[in-house]
Amino acid sequence: MTTAYDSIADYDAPSPRDGRIKLHGAEGFEGMRKAGRLGAQVLDMLVPHVQAGVTTEHLDRLTREFVLDHGATPATLHYRGYRHSLCTSLNHVVCHGIPGPKPLRDDDILNIDVTVIVDGWHGDTSRMYTAGQPKRKAERLIDITYEAMMAGIEAVKPGVTLGTIGAIIQDYAEERRCSVVRDFCGHGLGQLFHDSPNVLHFGTRGEGPVLKEGMFFTIEPMLNLGRPDVKVLNDGWTAVTRDKSLSAQFEHSIGVTADGHEIFTQSPKGLDKPPYNI
């Protein structure tokens, strides 16, 4: 989940993190595997429920029940006053969309973002969904966003810098005439929901922190069909594109291994991007 806490403008905001990038061992990897798998299972569970006529508050209820039934906790529930177990960001909403009573329409696209806490470890992930048949431009944006995220993830290994990861994502998106949102970023996680480092989805190769074995963080680019500019609505959460262009996002939780990386939040059912054939 990219929260207001991850806003680039809030880098120096008071937080429980101490600024040090934590390195984790085998216990941490095992904890993140369990948390990441449950987060992915939530998103798998929701696939058949995302349809025209269904409300996002219904999806939120399903999620809360599923997570609690599995002995875990929805990390966003009561987080900084947030009252839901999901963020549901439709069409031109970039992130932090609040579940509500409005039914989905046939050509809506939406990002569903969930974080679960399992035995103290956080599994944070999001995917795009379509309610019915989306427009071709929306399908293209979804594909490019997923591919940009995966291009960044594929480069994750010890010795690579976060600036390089950001540059790979930025280049992939901009070469395909999409813009990268600058106002929000990925983040470290583990036993904290949001920890160091900040993970930008744009940057310069060779700059930024150097990746080391045992680092955990999210990669979660937000791409727009129009300009990258966003604004936050009066509810204090919902971020939208200023030009009302479509926006898309995917997110995985990642661990840096000795010779590469591990994706903790990959779908157990292979439902990592639409179309979801179930």
Protein backbone atom coordinates (compact mmCIF):
# COMPACT_ATOMS: atom_id res chain seq x y z
CA MET A 1 0.00 0.00 0.00
CA THR A 2 1.33 3.40 -0.93
CA THR A 3 -0.01 5.55 1.85
CA ALA A 4 0.22 9.27 2.43
CA TYR A 5 3.15 8.24 4.62
CA ASP A 6 4.98 7.26 1.43
CA SER A 7 4.45 10.60 -0.26
CA ILE A 8 7.73 11.99 -1.49
CA ALA A 9 6.80 15.27 0.18
CA ASP A 10 6.69 13.44 3.53
CA TYR A 11 10.16 11.90 3.56
CA ASP A 12 11.01 13.63 6.83
CA ALA A 13 7.67 13.06 8.56
CA PRO A 14 7.88 11.58 12.08
CA SER A 15 7.53 7.79 11.94
CA PRO A 16 8.32 4.61 13.87
CA ARG A 17 11.10 3.82 11.43
CA ASP A 18 14.59 4.96 12.36
CA GLY A 19 16.01 5.55 8.87
CA ARG A 20 18.19 2.44 8.84
CA ILE A 21 17.61 -0.16 6.13
CA LYS A 22 17.09 -3.48 7.91
CA LEU A 23 18.63 -6.73 6.75
CA HIS A 24 16.73 -9.94 7.50
CA GLY A 25 17.69 -13.57 7.81
CA ALA A 26 15.93 -16.88 7.27
CA GLU A 27 13.27 -16.19 9.91
CA GLY A 28 12.30 -12.96 8.21
CA PHE A 29 12.08 -14.61 4.80
CA GLU A 30 9.82 -17.31 6.19
CA GLY A 31 7.60 -14.74 7.90
CA MET A 32 7.31 -12.71 4.71
CA ARG A 33 6.49 -15.79 2.64
CA LYS A 34 3.51 -16.53 4.88
CA ALA A 35 2.28 -12.93 4.94
CA GLY A 36 2.86 -12.42 1.24
CA ARG A 37 1.07 -15.62 0.32
CA LEU A 38 -2.02 -14.64 2.31
CA GLY A 39 -2.06 -11.19 0.72
CA ALA A 40 -1.93 -12.83 -2.71
CA GLN A 41 -4.68 -15.27 -1.70
CA VAL A 42 -6.92 -12.31 -0.82
CA LEU A 43 -6.48 -10.87 -4.30
CA ASP A 44 -7.08 -14.30 -5.85
CA MET A 45 -10.28 -14.68 -3.80
CA LEU A 46 -11.60 -11.35 -5.07
CA VAL A 47 -11.21 -12.15 -8.79
CA PRO A 48 -14.69 -13.63 -9.39
CA HIS A 49 -16.35 -10.92 -7.29
CA VAL A 50 -15.11 -7.94 -9.32
CA GLN A 51 -18.06 -7.49 -11.65
CA ALA A 52 -20.33 -4.72 -12.86
CA GLY A 53 -22.99 -4.03 -10.21
CA VAL A 54 -20.80 -5.07 -7.26
CA THR A 55 -19.80 -2.36 -4.78
CA THR A 56 -16.28 -1.84 -3.54
CA GLU A 57 -17.55 -1.84 0.05
CA HIS A 58 -18.76 -5.41 -0.60
CA LEU A 59 -15.23 -6.34 -1.73
CA ASP A 60 -13.92 -4.73 1.45
CA ARG A 61 -16.26 -6.83 3.63
CA LEU A 62 -15.22 -10.02 1.83
CA THR A 63 -11.59 -9.16 2.45
CA ARG A 64 -12.00 -8.40 6.13
CA GLU A 65 -13.84 -11.68 6.71
CA PHE A 66 -11.28 -13.68 4.69
CA VAL A 67 -8.28 -12.21 6.51
CA LEU A 68 -9.78 -12.63 9.97
CA ASP A 69 -10.90 -16.19 9.15
CA HIS A 70 -7.25 -16.97 8.37
CA GLY A 71 -6.10 -15.73 11.76
CA ALA A 72 -4.49 -12.59 10.37
CA THR A 73 -5.13 -8.84 10.62
CA PRO A 74 -5.91 -6.31 7.87
CA ALA A 75 -3.08 -3.79 8.28
CA THR A 76 -5.04 -0.80 6.97
CA LEU A 77 -8.03 -1.30 9.29
CA HIS A 78 -7.84 1.67 11.73
CA TYR A 79 -4.41 2.65 10.34
CA ARG A 80 -4.15 6.41 10.87
CA GLY A 81 -7.93 6.57 11.08
CA TYR A 82 -8.59 4.54 7.93
CA ARG A 83 -11.66 2.35 8.42
CA HIS A 84 -11.31 -0.26 5.68
CA SER A 85 -9.36 -3.41 4.88
CA LEU A 86 -8.68 -2.45 1.26
CA CYS A 87 -7.93 0.50 -0.94
CA THR A 88 -9.99 0.42 -4.16
CA SER A 89 -8.82 2.90 -6.79
CA LEU A 90 -11.07 3.26 -9.84
CA ASN A 91 -10.22 4.66 -13.27
CA HIS A 92 -8.52 8.04 -12.68
CA VAL A 93 -7.88 7.35 -8.97
CA VAL A 94 -4.14 6.84 -8.58
CA CYS A 95 -4.13 5.26 -5.11
CA HIS A 96 -5.87 5.16 -1.72
CA GLY A 97 -9.39 4.99 -3.12
CA ILE A 98 -11.87 4.36 -0.29
CA PRO A 99 -14.38 1.48 -0.63
CA GLY A 100 -17.94 2.74 -0.98
CA PRO A 101 -21.54 1.97 -2.03
CA LYS A 102 -21.31 2.93 -5.71
CA PRO A 103 -21.65 -0.13 -7.99
CA LEU A 104 -18.91 -0.89 -10.49
CA ARG A 105 -19.68 -0.20 -14.14
CA ASP A 106 -19.01 -2.52 -17.07
CA ASP A 107 -15.87 -0.75 -18.32
CA ASP A 108 -14.36 0.25 -14.97
CA ILE A 109 -10.79 -0.60 -14.12
CA LEU A 110 -9.62 -0.62 -10.52
CA ASN A 111 -6.61 -1.31 -8.40
CA ILE A 112 -7.19 -3.33 -5.25
CA ASP A 113 -4.48 -2.90 -2.62
CA VAL A 114 -4.30 -5.08 0.49
CA THR A 115 -1.85 -5.56 3.33
CA VAL A 116 -2.17 -8.36 5.86
CA ILE A 117 -0.30 -8.98 9.10
CA VAL A 118 0.61 -12.61 9.77
CA ASP A 119 2.56 -13.34 12.97
CA GLY A 120 3.82 -9.76 12.96
CA TRP A 121 4.96 -9.72 9.30
CA HIS A 122 3.37 -7.56 6.59
CA GLY A 123 2.34 -8.84 3.17
CA ASP A 124 1.60 -5.84 0.93
CA THR A 125 0.35 -6.27 -2.63
CA SER A 126 -2.00 -4.86 -5.25
CA ARG A 127 -3.35 -5.78 -8.67
CA MET A 128 -5.50 -4.27 -11.37
CA TYR A 129 -8.97 -5.66 -12.10
CA THR A 130 -11.54 -5.00 -14.80
CA ALA A 131 -15.31 -4.99 -14.32
CA GLY A 132 -16.52 -6.35 -17.64
CA GLN A 133 -14.78 -5.34 -20.86
CA PRO A 134 -12.43 -2.35 -20.50
CA LYS A 135 -11.55 0.04 -23.32
CA ARG A 136 -8.45 -0.87 -25.33
CA LYS A 137 -6.49 2.10 -23.95
CA ALA A 138 -7.21 0.86 -20.41
CA GLU A 139 -6.05 -2.66 -21.27
CA ARG A 140 -2.86 -1.24 -22.74
CA LEU A 141 -2.18 0.85 -19.62
CA ILE A 142 -2.71 -2.17 -17.37
CA ASP A 143 -0.32 -4.28 -19.45
CA ILE A 144 2.39 -1.61 -19.49
CA THR A 145 2.11 -1.01 -15.74
CA TYR A 146 2.50 -4.70 -14.95
CA GLU A 147 5.40 -5.07 -17.37
CA ALA A 148 7.13 -1.98 -15.95
CA MET A 149 6.87 -3.36 -12.42
CA MET A 150 8.22 -6.74 -13.52
CA ALA A 151 11.09 -5.11 -15.44
CA GLY A 152 12.10 -3.36 -12.23
CA ILE A 153 11.75 -6.52 -10.16
CA GLU A 154 13.84 -8.57 -12.60
CA ALA A 155 16.78 -6.24 -11.98
CA VAL A 156 16.69 -6.70 -8.18
CA LYS A 157 19.87 -8.34 -6.86
CA PRO A 158 22.71 -7.41 -4.51
CA GLY A 159 24.88 -4.59 -5.83
CA VAL A 160 22.17 -2.90 -7.92
CA THR A 161 21.02 0.54 -6.75
CA LEU A 162 17.46 1.65 -6.16
CA GLY A 163 18.07 4.46 -8.65
CA THR A 164 18.71 1.83 -11.31
CA ILE A 165 15.44 0.06 -10.46
CA GLY A 166 13.56 3.36 -10.72
CA ALA A 167 15.23 4.24 -14.02
CA ILE A 168 14.30 0.88 -15.55
CA ILE A 169 10.64 1.37 -14.61
CA GLN A 170 10.63 4.98 -15.81
CA ASP A 171 12.26 4.16 -19.14
CA TYR A 172 9.88 1.27 -19.80
CA ALA A 173 6.83 3.43 -19.10
CA GLU A 174 7.92 6.58 -20.91
CA GLU A 175 9.05 4.70 -24.01
CA ARG A 176 5.43 3.55 -24.26
CA ARG A 177 4.01 7.05 -23.74
CA CYS A 178 2.87 6.58 -20.15
CA SER A 179 3.91 8.81 -17.26
CA VAL A 180 5.22 7.73 -13.85
CA VAL A 181 3.61 9.25 -10.76
CA ARG A 182 6.23 11.01 -8.64
CA ASP A 183 4.18 11.82 -5.55
CA PHE A 184 4.12 8.31 -4.09
CA CYS A 185 6.67 5.54 -3.80
CA GLY A 186 7.32 2.03 -2.59
CA HIS A 187 8.79 1.35 0.84
CA GLY A 188 10.63 -1.03 3.06
CA LEU A 189 8.49 -3.40 5.10
CA GLY A 190 8.67 -6.43 7.33
CA GLN A 191 7.60 -6.15 10.95
CA LEU A 192 6.85 -2.49 10.22
CA PHE A 193 4.16 -1.60 7.67
CA HIS A 194 6.26 1.24 6.24
CA ASP A 195 10.01 1.25 6.75
CA SER A 196 13.16 2.43 5.02
CA PRO A 197 14.08 2.62 2.20
CA ASN A 198 11.80 4.72 0.03
CA VAL A 199 11.57 3.07 -3.39
CA LEU A 200 11.08 5.54 -6.22
CA HIS A 201 9.74 4.37 -9.57
CA PHE A 202 11.89 6.84 -11.49
CA GLY A 203 15.52 7.76 -11.09
CA THR A 204 19.08 7.63 -12.36
CA ARG A 205 21.09 4.47 -12.86
CA GLY A 206 23.81 3.98 -10.29
CA GLU A 207 22.30 6.36 -7.73
CA GLY A 208 20.55 5.65 -4.43
CA PRO A 209 20.99 2.92 -1.82
CA VAL A 210 22.77 -0.25 -2.91
CA LEU A 211 20.72 -3.44 -2.59
CA LYS A 212 21.98 -6.03 -0.11
CA GLU A 213 20.86 -9.54 0.73
CA GLY A 214 18.09 -9.47 3.33
CA MET A 215 16.46 -6.18 2.30
CA PHE A 216 12.65 -6.24 2.06
CA PHE A 217 10.63 -3.63 0.16
CA THR A 218 7.72 -3.07 -2.20
CA ILE A 219 7.88 -2.17 -5.87
CA GLU A 220 4.56 -0.59 -6.83
CA PRO A 221 4.64 1.81 -9.80
CA MET A 222 1.65 4.00 -10.62
CA LEU A 223 1.41 4.92 -14.31
CA ASN A 224 -0.93 7.41 -15.96
CA LEU A 225 -2.10 7.69 -19.55
CA GLY A 226 -1.80 11.46 -19.24
CA ARG A 227 0.44 13.66 -17.16
CA PRO A 228 2.00 12.41 -13.89
CA ASP A 229 0.44 15.15 -11.74
CA VAL A 230 -1.92 14.11 -8.94
CA LYS A 231 -3.98 15.75 -6.22
CA VAL A 232 -5.40 14.40 -2.97
CA LEU A 233 -9.13 14.92 -2.40
CA ASN A 234 -10.67 16.44 0.70
CA ASP A 235 -11.08 13.03 2.36
CA GLY A 236 -7.32 13.13 2.92
CA TRP A 237 -6.73 9.77 1.24
CA THR A 238 -7.95 9.56 -2.36
CA ALA A 239 -5.30 10.62 -4.87
CA VAL A 240 -6.48 11.30 -8.44
CA THR A 241 -4.89 12.37 -11.71
CA ARG A 242 -5.18 16.12 -12.17
CA ASP A 243 -6.05 15.72 -15.86
CA LYS A 244 -8.53 12.89 -15.11
CA SER A 245 -6.57 10.45 -17.25
CA LEU A 246 -6.65 6.75 -16.40
CA SER A 247 -4.18 5.43 -13.85
CA ALA A 248 -2.99 1.90 -13.03
CA GLN A 249 -0.81 0.26 -10.40
CA PHE A 250 0.61 -3.14 -9.47
CA GLU A 251 2.55 -4.01 -6.33
CA HIS A 252 4.69 -6.86 -5.06
CA SER A 253 6.61 -7.33 -1.81
CA ILE A 254 10.20 -8.34 -2.56
CA GLY A 255 13.14 -9.82 -0.68
CA VAL A 256 16.73 -9.49 -1.91
CA THR A 257 18.45 -12.90 -1.94
CA ALA A 258 22.13 -13.81 -2.26
CA ASP A 259 21.95 -13.93 -6.05
CA GLY A 260 18.70 -12.20 -6.96
CA HIS A 261 15.28 -11.73 -5.40
CA GLU A 262 12.18 -13.47 -4.10
CA ILE A 263 8.64 -12.25 -4.78
CA PHE A 264 6.63 -12.90 -1.63
CA THR A 265 3.24 -11.91 -3.06
CA GLN A 266 3.02 -13.88 -6.31
CA SER A 267 -0.42 -15.38 -6.95
CA PRO A 268 -0.68 -19.05 -5.92
CA LYS A 269 -3.19 -19.47 -8.78
CA GLY A 270 -1.21 -17.61 -11.43
CA LEU A 271 -3.65 -14.68 -11.36
CA ASP A 272 -1.02 -11.94 -11.30
CA LYS A 273 -2.56 -9.75 -14.03
CA PRO A 274 -5.79 -9.56 -16.01
CA PRO A 275 -7.46 -11.07 -17.92
CA TYR A 276 -8.10 -13.52 -15.11
CA ASN A 277 -9.29 -16.80 -16.62
CA ILE A 278 -10.90 -18.80 -13.83
